[in-house]
Amino acid sequence: MNSLLFNFIKITVFLCLLCSLNSCTVLQWRENDKEIAERFNDYQIQTSIDYFEIDSLNLKIRTQHITNSQSELNIVFFHGSPSSLSTWNGYLKDSLLISKANLHAVDRPGYGYSNFGKELPEITPQAEAMSRLIDHYKLKNVISIGASYGGPLAARVAVINKNVKGVIMV
C-alpha cells in the first residue's frame, strides 16, 4: 500500500512538472503575418497587419487592425508576458465587437513579432511607445484593454495619452 501511494505521488509530481514546463512554451504562442491573414480570411474578417517603427528605440511594433469605418470607438489590446497579439483572437473575431468598434491588437516590445526576445522590462518606456503608436494611427476615443502585465500597461497609457478614454484590466 505504501508503494502504491509513493508511485502515485511520483506520477502526480511528474505530471505537474510537465504541465508547468509546457505552459511556458504555450504562452509564447505566436502566429506570423501570413497565418493571421489566413485565419481571419477563413472567418471572412478583413484585417491588416503592419509595423510601427520607433527609430530612437530601435523598435518595430507589430499591430493588427480590424476597422469598422462606421465607428469612432477604438479598442487597443495589450497582452501579458509571455504572449503575443494572437492572445486576443477570440475578441478580434467577435462580430458584436467588430460592429461597435475598431479593434487593434499590439505585440508588446520583445514579444510576438515586435523585436522578439528584446523586452522593455519597465512599464513607462512601453507605455510611451504605445502612446506614440496611438498617435501615429490617429486613434481617438480609445479604450485600452490589458491582460496580466498588459493591464498596468493599459492603465499607464491612459495616464500618458489624452485619447484614451477608458481602461479595462483583465
Protein backbone atom coordinates (compact mmCIF):
# COMPACT_ATOMS: atom_id res chain seq x y z
CA MET A 1 0.00 0.00 0.00
CA ASN A 2 2.86 2.39 0.83
CA SER A 3 4.48 1.66 -2.53
CA LEU A 4 1.24 2.46 -4.37
CA LEU A 5 0.96 5.83 -2.63
CA PHE A 6 4.61 6.62 -3.35
CA ASN A 7 4.14 5.80 -7.08
CA PHE A 8 1.01 7.94 -7.18
CA ILE A 9 2.89 10.90 -5.69
CA LYS A 10 5.78 10.46 -8.16
CA ILE A 11 3.41 10.38 -11.13
CA THR A 12 1.50 13.42 -9.84
CA VAL A 13 4.69 15.43 -9.34
CA PHE A 14 5.91 14.42 -12.80
CA LEU A 15 2.63 15.48 -14.43
CA CYS A 16 2.63 18.81 -12.57
CA LEU A 17 6.20 19.48 -13.68
CA LEU A 18 5.38 18.55 -17.26
CA CYS A 19 2.35 20.86 -17.30
CA SER A 20 4.24 23.78 -15.77
CA LEU A 21 7.13 23.48 -18.22
CA ASN A 22 4.75 23.14 -21.13
CA SER A 23 2.87 26.32 -20.18
CA CYS A 24 5.94 28.48 -20.86
CA THR A 25 6.06 27.38 -24.47
CA VAL A 26 2.30 27.58 -24.96
CA LEU A 27 2.14 31.11 -23.56
CA GLN A 28 4.70 32.23 -26.14
CA TRP A 29 2.38 31.11 -28.90
CA ARG A 30 2.62 33.49 -31.81
CA GLU A 31 1.44 33.48 -35.39
CA ASN A 32 3.27 35.06 -38.29
CA ASP A 33 1.53 37.60 -40.53
CA LYS A 34 0.52 35.03 -43.13
CA GLU A 35 -1.02 32.70 -40.52
CA ILE A 36 -3.05 35.57 -39.07
CA ALA A 37 -4.24 36.69 -42.50
CA GLU A 38 -5.31 33.13 -43.39
CA ARG A 39 -7.08 32.62 -40.06
CA PHE A 40 -9.11 35.80 -40.38
CA ASN A 41 -9.77 35.19 -44.07
CA ASP A 42 -11.32 31.84 -43.07
CA TYR A 43 -13.73 33.82 -40.86
CA GLN A 44 -14.30 36.37 -43.66
CA ILE A 45 -12.98 39.18 -41.47
CA GLN A 46 -10.86 41.85 -43.11
CA THR A 47 -7.73 42.52 -41.12
CA SER A 48 -4.49 44.34 -41.73
CA ILE A 49 -1.12 43.91 -40.10
CA ASP A 50 1.62 46.47 -40.10
CA TYR A 51 4.65 47.63 -38.17
CA PHE A 52 5.15 50.92 -36.36
CA GLU A 53 8.81 51.88 -36.04
CA ILE A 54 10.42 53.95 -33.32
CA ASP A 55 13.93 54.68 -34.54
CA SER A 56 15.16 56.16 -31.25
CA LEU A 57 14.45 52.81 -29.51
CA ASN A 58 15.42 50.65 -32.49
CA LEU A 59 11.95 49.17 -32.15
CA LYS A 60 9.45 47.76 -34.64
CA ILE A 61 6.00 47.14 -33.14
CA ARG A 62 3.58 44.80 -34.93
CA THR A 63 -0.10 45.72 -34.87
CA GLN A 64 -3.19 44.02 -36.18
CA HIS A 65 -6.21 46.13 -37.13
CA ILE A 66 -9.82 45.32 -37.79
CA THR A 67 -11.53 48.56 -38.70
CA ASN A 68 -15.16 49.47 -38.97
CA SER A 69 -15.42 52.79 -40.78
CA GLN A 70 -18.81 53.44 -39.12
CA SER A 71 -17.34 53.59 -35.62
CA GLU A 72 -15.38 56.27 -33.78
CA LEU A 73 -14.52 53.95 -30.90
CA ASN A 74 -11.09 52.26 -30.88
CA ILE A 75 -10.19 49.34 -28.65
CA VAL A 76 -6.47 48.62 -28.21
CA PHE A 77 -5.49 45.25 -26.74
CA PHE A 78 -2.23 44.69 -24.80
CA HIS A 79 -1.24 41.10 -23.98
CA GLY A 80 0.62 39.82 -20.92
CA SER A 81 4.03 38.17 -20.61
CA PRO A 82 4.94 35.96 -22.33
CA SER A 83 2.42 36.11 -25.14
CA SER A 84 1.53 37.88 -28.38
CA LEU A 85 -1.32 39.71 -30.06
CA SER A 86 -2.70 36.29 -31.07
CA THR A 87 -3.96 36.02 -27.48
CA TRP A 88 -6.79 38.34 -28.48
CA ASN A 89 -8.01 36.28 -31.50
CA GLY A 90 -11.33 35.45 -29.83
CA TYR A 91 -12.12 39.13 -29.28
CA LEU A 92 -10.85 40.18 -32.70
CA LYS A 93 -13.25 37.70 -34.33
CA ASP A 94 -16.26 38.72 -32.24
CA SER A 95 -18.94 40.07 -34.60
CA LEU A 96 -20.53 42.31 -31.94
CA LEU A 97 -17.20 43.98 -31.11
CA ILE A 98 -16.40 44.37 -34.81
CA SER A 99 -19.74 46.10 -35.39
CA LYS A 100 -19.22 48.53 -32.47
CA ALA A 101 -15.53 49.48 -32.59
CA ASN A 102 -12.26 49.45 -34.46
CA LEU A 103 -10.04 46.77 -32.94
CA HIS A 104 -6.26 46.99 -32.64
CA ALA A 105 -4.05 44.30 -31.09
CA VAL A 106 -0.40 45.02 -30.35
CA ASP A 107 2.62 42.78 -29.95
CA ARG A 108 4.33 44.39 -26.96
CA PRO A 109 8.04 45.13 -27.37
CA GLY A 110 10.03 41.90 -27.09
CA TYR A 111 7.09 39.60 -27.76
CA GLY A 112 5.32 38.16 -30.79
CA TYR A 113 6.93 39.81 -33.80
CA SER A 114 7.93 43.08 -32.09
CA ASN A 115 11.69 42.69 -31.59
CA PHE A 116 11.15 39.20 -30.15
CA GLY A 117 13.41 38.49 -27.19
CA LYS A 118 14.37 42.13 -26.58
CA GLU A 119 11.82 43.19 -23.97
CA LEU A 120 11.42 46.63 -22.46
CA PRO A 121 11.07 45.50 -18.83
CA GLU A 122 9.71 48.77 -17.43
CA ILE A 123 6.13 49.99 -17.83
CA THR A 124 6.94 53.65 -18.58
CA PRO A 125 9.02 53.15 -21.77
CA GLN A 126 6.48 50.62 -23.03
CA ALA A 127 3.60 53.00 -22.29
CA GLU A 128 5.39 55.85 -24.06
CA ALA A 129 5.91 53.61 -27.11
CA MET A 130 2.23 52.57 -27.08
CA SER A 131 1.16 56.20 -26.72
CA ARG A 132 3.25 57.09 -29.78
CA LEU A 133 1.60 54.18 -31.63
CA ILE A 134 -1.88 55.50 -30.75
CA ASP A 135 -0.88 58.95 -32.00
CA HIS A 136 0.70 57.52 -35.16
CA TYR A 137 -2.54 55.74 -36.12
CA LYS A 138 -4.55 58.85 -35.11
CA LEU A 139 -6.76 56.82 -32.79
CA LYS A 140 -9.39 58.76 -30.87
CA ASN A 141 -11.85 57.55 -28.23
CA VAL A 142 -9.57 54.70 -27.19
CA ILE A 143 -10.37 52.04 -24.65
CA SER A 144 -7.15 50.27 -23.66
CA ILE A 145 -7.50 46.68 -22.54
CA GLY A 146 -4.69 44.75 -20.93
CA ALA A 147 -4.32 41.26 -19.53
CA SER A 148 -1.75 40.28 -16.93
CA TYR A 149 1.31 42.54 -17.40
CA GLY A 150 -0.64 44.28 -20.19
CA GLY A 151 -3.10 45.53 -17.53
CA PRO A 152 -0.75 48.02 -15.84
CA LEU A 153 0.48 48.97 -19.32
CA ALA A 154 -3.09 49.77 -20.42
CA ALA A 155 -3.53 51.92 -17.30
CA ARG A 156 -0.24 53.77 -17.77
CA VAL A 157 -1.04 54.51 -21.42
CA ALA A 158 -4.28 56.11 -20.22
CA VAL A 159 -2.32 58.44 -17.95
CA ILE A 160 0.04 59.46 -20.78
CA ASN A 161 -2.32 59.74 -23.76
CA LYS A 162 -5.36 62.03 -23.71
CA ASN A 163 -7.09 59.98 -26.42
CA VAL A 164 -7.51 57.03 -24.04
CA LYS A 165 -10.97 57.42 -22.51
CA GLY A 166 -11.22 54.13 -20.64
CA VAL A 167 -9.21 51.21 -19.30
CA ILE A 168 -10.08 47.57 -18.76
CA MET A 169 -7.60 45.45 -16.81
CA VAL A 170 -8.09 41.69 -17.10
